[in-house]
Amino acid sequence: MGKIDEAIAHWKAAVRADPNQSQSLYHLARALDKRHDPEAQQYMERFRELEKSQRLFDRVQALGNFAIEAASAQNWPQAVEQMKEAIQLCGQCAESAHLHRNLGLIYCRTGNRQDGEQELRTALQLDPHDEDAKKALALLANLPQAPQN
């Protein structure tokens, strides 16, 4: 409609309200760039970082899902490998507790109680409200210990 100044003001307001609003970041950067505004580069960089973060998050979720599918098929080595890769890529992302819990459960299903408990405890450190991790640890606490050789 030719009201670029108003559009820029609205995109800036949208980005202030939600810094992860990628469409607003992109359109704002483009509009400012057309005006040779030095702020354009800052918004475009934020947009690129957000896109990079989203691609990483999507990869982490895909690996986690693949690991769950492998576990369902009882392909334990692949399940463990993919869950570890997801955890490594994730670092401290929002999915970290969930991934550690799932790895802990996979370890427990394979009989690797020690690593399973460790991963479940890590999950609880990251998310103290994780009821599934609490339940799994409670179940493990009630199981007899395997004899040591």
N, C-alpha and C. Protein backbone atom coordinates (compact mmCIF):
# COMPACT_ATOMS: atom_id res chain seq x y z
N MET A 1 0.83 -1.19 0.00
CA MET A 1 0.00 0.00 0.00
C MET A 1 0.87 1.25 0.00
N GLY A 2 2.18 1.06 0.00
CA GLY A 2 3.08 2.20 -0.07
C GLY A 2 3.34 2.86 1.28
N LYS A 3 2.89 2.28 2.36
CA LYS A 3 3.08 2.86 3.70
C LYS A 3 4.27 2.18 4.38
N ILE A 4 5.43 2.36 3.81
CA ILE A 4 6.64 1.69 4.28
C ILE A 4 6.99 2.07 5.71
N ASP A 5 6.87 3.37 6.05
CA ASP A 5 7.20 3.80 7.41
C ASP A 5 6.31 3.10 8.44
N GLU A 6 5.03 2.98 8.13
CA GLU A 6 4.11 2.30 9.05
C GLU A 6 4.45 0.81 9.13
N ALA A 7 4.77 0.23 7.99
CA ALA A 7 5.13 -1.19 7.98
C ALA A 7 6.37 -1.43 8.82
N ILE A 8 7.36 -0.57 8.67
CA ILE A 8 8.59 -0.71 9.45
C ILE A 8 8.29 -0.60 10.93
N ALA A 9 7.45 0.34 11.30
CA ALA A 9 7.09 0.51 12.72
C ALA A 9 6.39 -0.75 13.25
N HIS A 10 5.50 -1.33 12.46
CA HIS A 10 4.79 -2.54 12.88
C HIS A 10 5.75 -3.74 12.97
N TRP A 11 6.65 -3.87 12.01
CA TRP A 11 7.62 -4.98 12.07
C TRP A 11 8.53 -4.84 13.28
N LYS A 12 8.94 -3.61 13.59
CA LYS A 12 9.77 -3.40 14.78
C LYS A 12 8.99 -3.76 16.05
N ALA A 13 7.74 -3.39 16.10
CA ALA A 13 6.91 -3.73 17.26
C ALA A 13 6.75 -5.24 17.37
N ALA A 14 6.56 -5.90 16.24
CA ALA A 14 6.42 -7.37 16.24
C ALA A 14 7.69 -8.03 16.74
N VAL A 15 8.84 -7.53 16.33
CA VAL A 15 10.13 -8.10 16.73
C VAL A 15 10.39 -7.83 18.22
N ARG A 16 9.96 -6.65 18.70
CA ARG A 16 10.10 -6.38 20.14
C ARG A 16 9.21 -7.33 20.95
N ALA A 17 8.01 -7.59 20.46
CA ALA A 17 7.08 -8.47 21.16
C ALA A 17 7.53 -9.92 21.11
N ASP A 18 8.11 -10.32 19.98
CA ASP A 18 8.58 -11.70 19.81
C ASP A 18 9.87 -11.67 19.00
N PRO A 19 11.02 -11.69 19.69
CA PRO A 19 12.30 -11.61 18.97
C PRO A 19 12.54 -12.78 18.01
N ASN A 20 11.75 -13.83 18.12
CA ASN A 20 11.91 -14.99 17.24
C ASN A 20 10.91 -14.97 16.08
N GLN A 21 10.32 -13.83 15.82
CA GLN A 21 9.36 -13.69 14.72
C GLN A 21 10.16 -13.52 13.43
N SER A 22 10.46 -14.65 12.79
CA SER A 22 11.38 -14.64 11.65
C SER A 22 10.85 -13.83 10.46
N GLN A 23 9.56 -13.93 10.17
CA GLN A 23 9.04 -13.19 9.03
C GLN A 23 9.17 -11.68 9.24
N SER A 24 8.88 -11.23 10.45
CA SER A 24 9.01 -9.79 10.73
C SER A 24 10.46 -9.35 10.63
N LEU A 25 11.37 -10.16 11.17
CA LEU A 25 12.80 -9.83 11.06
C LEU A 25 13.23 -9.71 9.61
N TYR A 26 12.82 -10.68 8.81
CA TYR A 26 13.21 -10.68 7.41
C TYR A 26 12.66 -9.46 6.68
N HIS A 27 11.35 -9.22 6.81
CA HIS A 27 10.74 -8.10 6.09
C HIS A 27 11.29 -6.75 6.57
N LEU A 28 11.53 -6.65 7.87
CA LEU A 28 12.11 -5.43 8.42
C LEU A 28 13.50 -5.20 7.84
N ALA A 29 14.32 -6.23 7.83
CA ALA A 29 15.68 -6.10 7.29
C ALA A 29 15.64 -5.69 5.82
N ARG A 30 14.75 -6.29 5.06
CA ARG A 30 14.66 -5.96 3.63
C ARG A 30 14.19 -4.52 3.41
N ALA A 31 13.20 -4.11 4.18
CA ALA A 31 12.68 -2.75 4.03
C ALA A 31 13.74 -1.71 4.41
N LEU A 32 14.45 -1.99 5.50
CA LEU A 32 15.49 -1.06 5.93
C LEU A 32 16.66 -1.04 4.95
N ASP A 33 16.97 -2.20 4.37
CA ASP A 33 18.05 -2.27 3.39
C ASP A 33 17.72 -1.43 2.15
N LYS A 34 16.48 -1.46 1.73
CA LYS A 34 16.08 -0.65 0.57
C LYS A 34 16.24 0.84 0.85
N ARG A 35 16.21 1.20 2.12
CA ARG A 35 16.39 2.60 2.50
C ARG A 35 17.83 2.90 2.90
N HIS A 36 18.69 1.91 2.73
CA HIS A 36 20.11 2.03 3.07
C HIS A 36 20.30 2.38 4.55
N ASP A 37 19.40 1.87 5.37
CA ASP A 37 19.47 2.09 6.82
C ASP A 37 20.48 1.11 7.41
N PRO A 38 21.43 1.59 8.20
CA PRO A 38 22.45 0.70 8.76
C PRO A 38 21.89 -0.38 9.70
N GLU A 39 20.69 -0.17 10.23
CA GLU A 39 20.07 -1.19 11.09
C GLU A 39 19.71 -2.46 10.32
N ALA A 40 19.61 -2.35 9.01
CA ALA A 40 19.20 -3.49 8.18
C ALA A 40 20.10 -4.69 8.41
N GLN A 41 21.39 -4.45 8.48
CA GLN A 41 22.35 -5.54 8.65
C GLN A 41 22.13 -6.26 9.97
N GLN A 42 21.87 -5.50 11.02
CA GLN A 42 21.63 -6.08 12.34
C GLN A 42 20.40 -7.01 12.31
N TYR A 43 19.32 -6.55 11.70
CA TYR A 43 18.11 -7.37 11.64
C TYR A 43 18.30 -8.59 10.75
N MET A 44 19.04 -8.42 9.65
CA MET A 44 19.29 -9.56 8.77
C MET A 44 20.15 -10.60 9.48
N GLU A 45 21.12 -10.16 10.26
CA GLU A 45 21.96 -11.10 11.02
C GLU A 45 21.12 -11.85 12.05
N ARG A 46 20.23 -11.15 12.73
CA ARG A 46 19.34 -11.81 13.69
C ARG A 46 18.46 -12.84 12.98
N PHE A 47 17.98 -12.48 11.79
CA PHE A 47 17.17 -13.40 11.01
C PHE A 47 17.97 -14.66 10.65
N ARG A 48 19.20 -14.47 10.19
CA ARG A 48 20.05 -15.61 9.80
C ARG A 48 20.36 -16.50 11.00
N GLU A 49 20.64 -15.91 12.15
CA GLU A 49 20.90 -16.68 13.36
C GLU A 49 19.66 -17.47 13.79
N LEU A 50 18.51 -16.84 13.67
CA LEU A 50 17.26 -17.52 14.02
C LEU A 50 17.01 -18.69 13.08
N GLU A 51 17.24 -18.49 11.81
CA GLU A 51 17.06 -19.57 10.83
C GLU A 51 18.04 -20.72 11.11
N LYS A 52 19.27 -20.37 11.42
CA LYS A 52 20.29 -21.38 11.74
C LYS A 52 19.86 -22.18 12.97
N SER A 53 19.40 -21.49 13.97
CA SER A 53 18.94 -22.13 15.20
C SER A 53 17.75 -23.05 14.92
N GLN A 54 16.84 -22.62 14.08
CA GLN A 54 15.67 -23.43 13.75
C GLN A 54 16.08 -24.70 12.99
N ARG A 55 17.03 -24.57 12.07
CA ARG A 55 17.52 -25.75 11.34
C ARG A 55 18.16 -26.74 12.31
N LEU A 56 18.93 -26.23 13.25
CA LEU A 56 19.57 -27.10 14.25
C LEU A 56 18.51 -27.79 15.10
N PHE A 57 17.52 -27.03 15.55
CA PHE A 57 16.44 -27.59 16.35
C PHE A 57 15.70 -28.68 15.57
N ASP A 58 15.42 -28.43 14.29
CA ASP A 58 14.75 -29.41 13.45
C ASP A 58 15.58 -30.68 13.33
N ARG A 59 16.89 -30.54 13.18
CA ARG A 59 17.80 -31.70 13.08
C ARG A 59 17.80 -32.48 14.39
N VAL A 60 17.85 -31.78 15.51
CA VAL A 60 17.81 -32.44 16.82
C VAL A 60 16.52 -33.23 16.98
N GLN A 61 15.40 -32.62 16.63
CA GLN A 61 14.12 -33.32 16.74
C GLN A 61 14.07 -34.54 15.82
N ALA A 62 14.57 -34.40 14.61
CA ALA A 62 14.57 -35.53 13.67
C ALA A 62 15.42 -36.68 14.21
N LEU A 63 16.61 -36.37 14.71
CA LEU A 63 17.47 -37.42 15.27
C LEU A 63 16.81 -38.09 16.47
N GLY A 64 16.19 -37.30 17.32
CA GLY A 64 15.48 -37.87 18.46
C GLY A 64 14.36 -38.80 18.02
N ASN A 65 13.62 -38.39 17.00
CA ASN A 65 12.54 -39.23 16.48
C ASN A 65 13.09 -40.50 15.84
N PHE A 66 14.19 -40.38 15.09
CA PHE A 66 14.80 -41.55 14.49
C PHE A 66 15.27 -42.53 15.56
N ALA A 67 15.81 -41.99 16.64
CA ALA A 67 16.28 -42.84 17.74
C ALA A 67 15.12 -43.58 18.37
N ILE A 68 14.00 -42.92 18.56
CA ILE A 68 12.81 -43.57 19.14
C ILE A 68 12.32 -44.67 18.20
N GLU A 69 12.33 -44.40 16.90
CA GLU A 69 11.92 -45.43 15.93
C GLU A 69 12.87 -46.61 15.98
N ALA A 70 14.16 -46.35 16.07
CA ALA A 70 15.14 -47.44 16.15
C ALA A 70 14.93 -48.24 17.42
N ALA A 71 14.64 -47.57 18.52
CA ALA A 71 14.38 -48.28 19.78
C ALA A 71 13.12 -49.13 19.67
N SER A 72 12.10 -48.61 19.01
CA SER A 72 10.87 -49.38 18.80
C SER A 72 11.14 -50.65 18.01
N ALA A 73 12.09 -50.57 17.10
CA ALA A 73 12.48 -51.73 16.29
C ALA A 73 13.56 -52.57 17.00
N GLN A 74 13.88 -52.19 18.23
CA GLN A 74 14.91 -52.86 19.05
C GLN A 74 16.28 -52.84 18.39
N ASN A 75 16.54 -51.79 17.64
CA ASN A 75 17.86 -51.57 17.06
C ASN A 75 18.58 -50.64 18.04
N TRP A 76 19.02 -51.24 19.16
CA TRP A 76 19.56 -50.47 20.27
C TRP A 76 20.82 -49.68 19.92
N PRO A 77 21.78 -50.27 19.20
CA PRO A 77 22.98 -49.47 18.88
C PRO A 77 22.65 -48.20 18.08
N GLN A 78 21.76 -48.33 17.12
CA GLN A 78 21.38 -47.16 16.33
C GLN A 78 20.61 -46.16 17.19
N ALA A 79 19.72 -46.66 18.04
CA ALA A 79 18.95 -45.77 18.92
C ALA A 79 19.87 -44.96 19.83
N VAL A 80 20.85 -45.63 20.43
CA VAL A 80 21.79 -44.95 21.32
C VAL A 80 22.61 -43.94 20.54
N GLU A 81 23.13 -44.35 19.39
CA GLU A 81 23.97 -43.47 18.58
C GLU A 81 23.22 -42.21 18.16
N GLN A 82 21.99 -42.38 17.69
CA GLN A 82 21.24 -41.22 17.22
C GLN A 82 20.83 -40.31 18.37
N MET A 83 20.49 -40.89 19.52
CA MET A 83 20.11 -40.06 20.66
C MET A 83 21.33 -39.29 21.18
N LYS A 84 22.49 -39.94 21.20
CA LYS A 84 23.71 -39.24 21.62
C LYS A 84 24.04 -38.10 20.66
N GLU A 85 23.86 -38.34 19.36
CA GLU A 85 24.12 -37.29 18.37
C GLU A 85 23.15 -36.12 18.57
N ALA A 86 21.89 -36.43 18.83
CA ALA A 86 20.90 -35.38 19.08
C ALA A 86 21.29 -34.56 20.31
N ILE A 87 21.74 -35.24 21.36
CA ILE A 87 22.16 -34.55 22.59
C ILE A 87 23.36 -33.65 22.31
N GLN A 88 24.30 -34.16 21.56
CA GLN A 88 25.50 -33.37 21.24
C GLN A 88 25.14 -32.13 20.44
N LEU A 89 24.30 -32.29 19.42
CA LEU A 89 23.89 -31.15 18.61
C LEU A 89 23.08 -30.15 19.42
N CYS A 90 22.25 -30.66 20.29
CA CYS A 90 21.37 -29.82 21.09
C CYS A 90 22.14 -28.96 22.07
N GLY A 91 23.12 -29.53 22.71
CA GLY A 91 23.81 -28.78 23.76
C GLY A 91 22.86 -28.48 24.88
N GLN A 92 22.60 -27.22 25.12
CA GLN A 92 21.67 -26.79 26.18
C GLN A 92 20.34 -26.30 25.60
N CYS A 93 19.94 -26.85 24.46
CA CYS A 93 18.69 -26.40 23.84
C CYS A 93 17.48 -26.85 24.68
N ALA A 94 16.33 -26.40 24.29
CA ALA A 94 15.10 -26.67 25.04
C ALA A 94 14.76 -28.15 25.11
N GLU A 95 15.26 -28.95 24.21
CA GLU A 95 14.96 -30.37 24.17
C GLU A 95 15.92 -31.22 24.99
N SER A 96 16.92 -30.62 25.58
CA SER A 96 18.00 -31.35 26.24
C SER A 96 17.49 -32.35 27.30
N ALA A 97 16.63 -31.91 28.20
CA ALA A 97 16.14 -32.79 29.25
C ALA A 97 15.38 -33.98 28.66
N HIS A 98 14.56 -33.70 27.68
CA HIS A 98 13.77 -34.74 27.01
C HIS A 98 14.68 -35.78 26.34
N LEU A 99 15.73 -35.31 25.69
CA LEU A 99 16.66 -36.21 25.02
C LEU A 99 17.42 -37.08 26.02
N HIS A 100 17.88 -36.48 27.11
CA HIS A 100 18.58 -37.25 28.14
C HIS A 100 17.65 -38.29 28.76
N ARG A 101 16.41 -37.92 29.00
CA ARG A 101 15.46 -38.89 29.55
C ARG A 101 15.28 -40.07 28.59
N ASN A 102 15.10 -39.77 27.31
CA ASN A 102 14.90 -40.85 26.34
C ASN A 102 16.14 -41.74 26.22
N LEU A 103 17.32 -41.14 26.26
CA LEU A 103 18.53 -41.96 26.22
C LEU A 103 18.61 -42.83 27.46
N GLY A 104 18.25 -42.27 28.61
CA GLY A 104 18.23 -43.05 29.84
C GLY A 104 17.29 -44.24 29.74
N LEU A 105 16.12 -44.02 29.19
CA LEU A 105 15.15 -45.11 29.04
C LEU A 105 15.66 -46.16 28.06
N ILE A 106 16.30 -45.72 27.00
CA ILE A 106 16.87 -46.67 26.03
C ILE A 106 17.95 -47.51 26.70
N TYR A 107 18.84 -46.86 27.45
CA TYR A 107 19.87 -47.61 28.17
C TYR A 107 19.24 -48.64 29.11
N CYS A 108 18.22 -48.24 29.82
CA CYS A 108 17.55 -49.17 30.75
C CYS A 108 16.96 -50.37 30.00
N ARG A 109 16.38 -50.09 28.85
CA ARG A 109 15.79 -51.19 28.05
C ARG A 109 16.86 -52.18 27.59
N THR A 110 18.09 -51.71 27.42
CA THR A 110 19.17 -52.60 26.97
C THR A 110 19.88 -53.28 28.14
N GLY A 111 19.45 -52.95 29.37
CA GLY A 111 20.09 -53.55 30.54
C GLY A 111 21.25 -52.74 31.07
N ASN A 112 21.52 -51.59 30.50
CA ASN A 112 22.61 -50.73 30.94
C ASN A 112 22.06 -49.79 32.01
N ARG A 113 21.87 -50.34 33.19
CA ARG A 113 21.23 -49.61 34.28
C ARG A 113 22.05 -48.40 34.73
N GLN A 114 23.35 -48.56 34.82
CA GLN A 114 24.20 -47.47 35.32
C GLN A 114 24.09 -46.23 34.43
N ASP A 115 24.28 -46.40 33.12
CA ASP A 115 24.17 -45.26 32.21
C ASP A 115 22.74 -44.75 32.14
N GLY A 116 21.78 -45.67 32.25
CA GLY A 116 20.37 -45.27 32.25
C GLY A 116 20.05 -44.35 33.42
N GLU A 117 20.49 -44.76 34.61
CA GLU A 117 20.25 -43.92 35.79
C GLU A 117 20.94 -42.57 35.65
N GLN A 118 22.16 -42.58 35.14
CA GLN A 118 22.91 -41.33 34.97
C GLN A 118 22.17 -40.37 34.04
N GLU A 119 21.68 -40.88 32.92
CA GLU A 119 20.96 -40.04 31.96
C GLU A 119 19.64 -39.55 32.54
N LEU A 120 18.95 -40.40 33.29
CA LEU A 120 17.70 -39.99 33.91
C LEU A 120 17.93 -38.91 34.96
N ARG A 121 19.03 -39.03 35.71
CA ARG A 121 19.36 -38.00 36.70
C ARG A 121 19.73 -36.67 36.01
N THR A 122 20.43 -36.79 34.89
CA THR A 122 20.75 -35.58 34.11
C THR A 122 19.45 -34.91 33.64
N ALA A 123 18.51 -35.73 33.18
CA ALA A 123 17.23 -35.19 32.73
C ALA A 123 16.53 -34.44 33.86
N LEU A 124 16.58 -35.01 35.07
CA LEU A 124 15.94 -34.35 36.21
C LEU A 124 16.67 -33.08 36.64
N GLN A 125 17.98 -33.06 36.48
CA GLN A 125 18.71 -31.83 36.78
C GLN A 125 18.29 -30.71 35.83
N LEU A 126 18.07 -31.08 34.58
CA LEU A 126 17.68 -30.10 33.57
C LEU A 126 16.21 -29.71 33.68
N ASP A 127 15.39 -30.67 34.10
CA ASP A 127 13.95 -30.42 34.26
C ASP A 127 13.45 -31.17 35.49
N PRO A 128 13.48 -30.52 36.65
CA PRO A 128 13.07 -31.18 37.90
C PRO A 128 11.61 -31.63 37.92
N HIS A 129 10.82 -31.20 36.95
CA HIS A 129 9.41 -31.57 36.90
C HIS A 129 9.13 -32.73 35.93
N ASP A 130 10.16 -33.37 35.43
CA ASP A 130 10.00 -34.46 34.46
C ASP A 130 9.47 -35.70 35.18
N GLU A 131 8.16 -35.88 35.13
CA GLU A 131 7.51 -36.98 35.85
C GLU A 131 7.93 -38.34 35.31
N ASP A 132 8.16 -38.46 34.02
CA ASP A 132 8.57 -39.75 33.44
C ASP A 132 9.94 -40.16 33.96
N ALA A 133 10.86 -39.22 34.05
CA ALA A 133 12.19 -39.52 34.58
C ALA A 133 12.09 -39.91 36.05
N LYS A 134 11.25 -39.22 36.82
CA LYS A 134 11.05 -39.55 38.24
C LYS A 134 10.50 -40.97 38.39
N LYS A 135 9.51 -41.30 37.59
CA LYS A 135 8.90 -42.64 37.66
C LYS A 135 9.92 -43.71 37.29
N ALA A 136 10.69 -43.47 36.25
CA ALA A 136 11.68 -44.46 35.82
C ALA A 136 12.73 -44.67 36.90
N LEU A 137 13.20 -43.59 37.52
CA LEU A 137 14.19 -43.73 38.60
C LEU A 137 13.60 -44.45 39.81
N ALA A 138 12.34 -44.19 40.11
CA ALA A 138 11.68 -44.89 41.22
C ALA A 138 11.57 -46.38 40.93
N LEU A 139 11.24 -46.72 39.68
CA LEU A 139 11.18 -48.14 39.31
C LEU A 139 12.55 -48.80 39.43
N LEU A 140 13.57 -48.11 38.96
CA LEU A 140 14.92 -48.66 39.04
C LEU A 140 15.35 -48.85 40.49
N ALA A 141 14.96 -47.94 41.35
CA ALA A 141 15.34 -48.04 42.77
C ALA A 141 14.73 -49.28 43.43
N ASN A 142 13.60 -49.71 42.90
CA ASN A 142 12.91 -50.88 43.48
C ASN A 142 13.36 -52.20 42.87
N LEU A 143 14.18 -52.13 41.82
CA LEU A 143 14.68 -53.36 41.20
C LEU A 143 15.92 -53.85 41.96
N PRO A 144 16.06 -55.16 42.05
CA PRO A 144 17.29 -55.66 42.71
C PRO A 144 18.50 -55.34 41.85
N GLN A 145 19.61 -55.09 42.52
CA GLN A 145 20.87 -54.83 41.82
C GLN A 145 21.37 -56.13 41.22
N ALA A 146 21.97 -56.02 40.03
CA ALA A 146 22.58 -57.19 39.40
C ALA A 146 23.82 -57.58 40.21
N PRO A 147 24.08 -58.88 40.36
CA PRO A 147 25.26 -59.29 41.10
C PRO A 147 26.54 -58.81 40.41
N GLN A 148 27.50 -58.37 41.23
CA GLN A 148 28.79 -57.91 40.72
C GLN A 148 29.73 -59.11 40.62
N ASN A 149 30.46 -59.19 39.51
CA ASN A 149 31.40 -60.30 39.33
C ASN A 149 32.76 -59.91 39.78
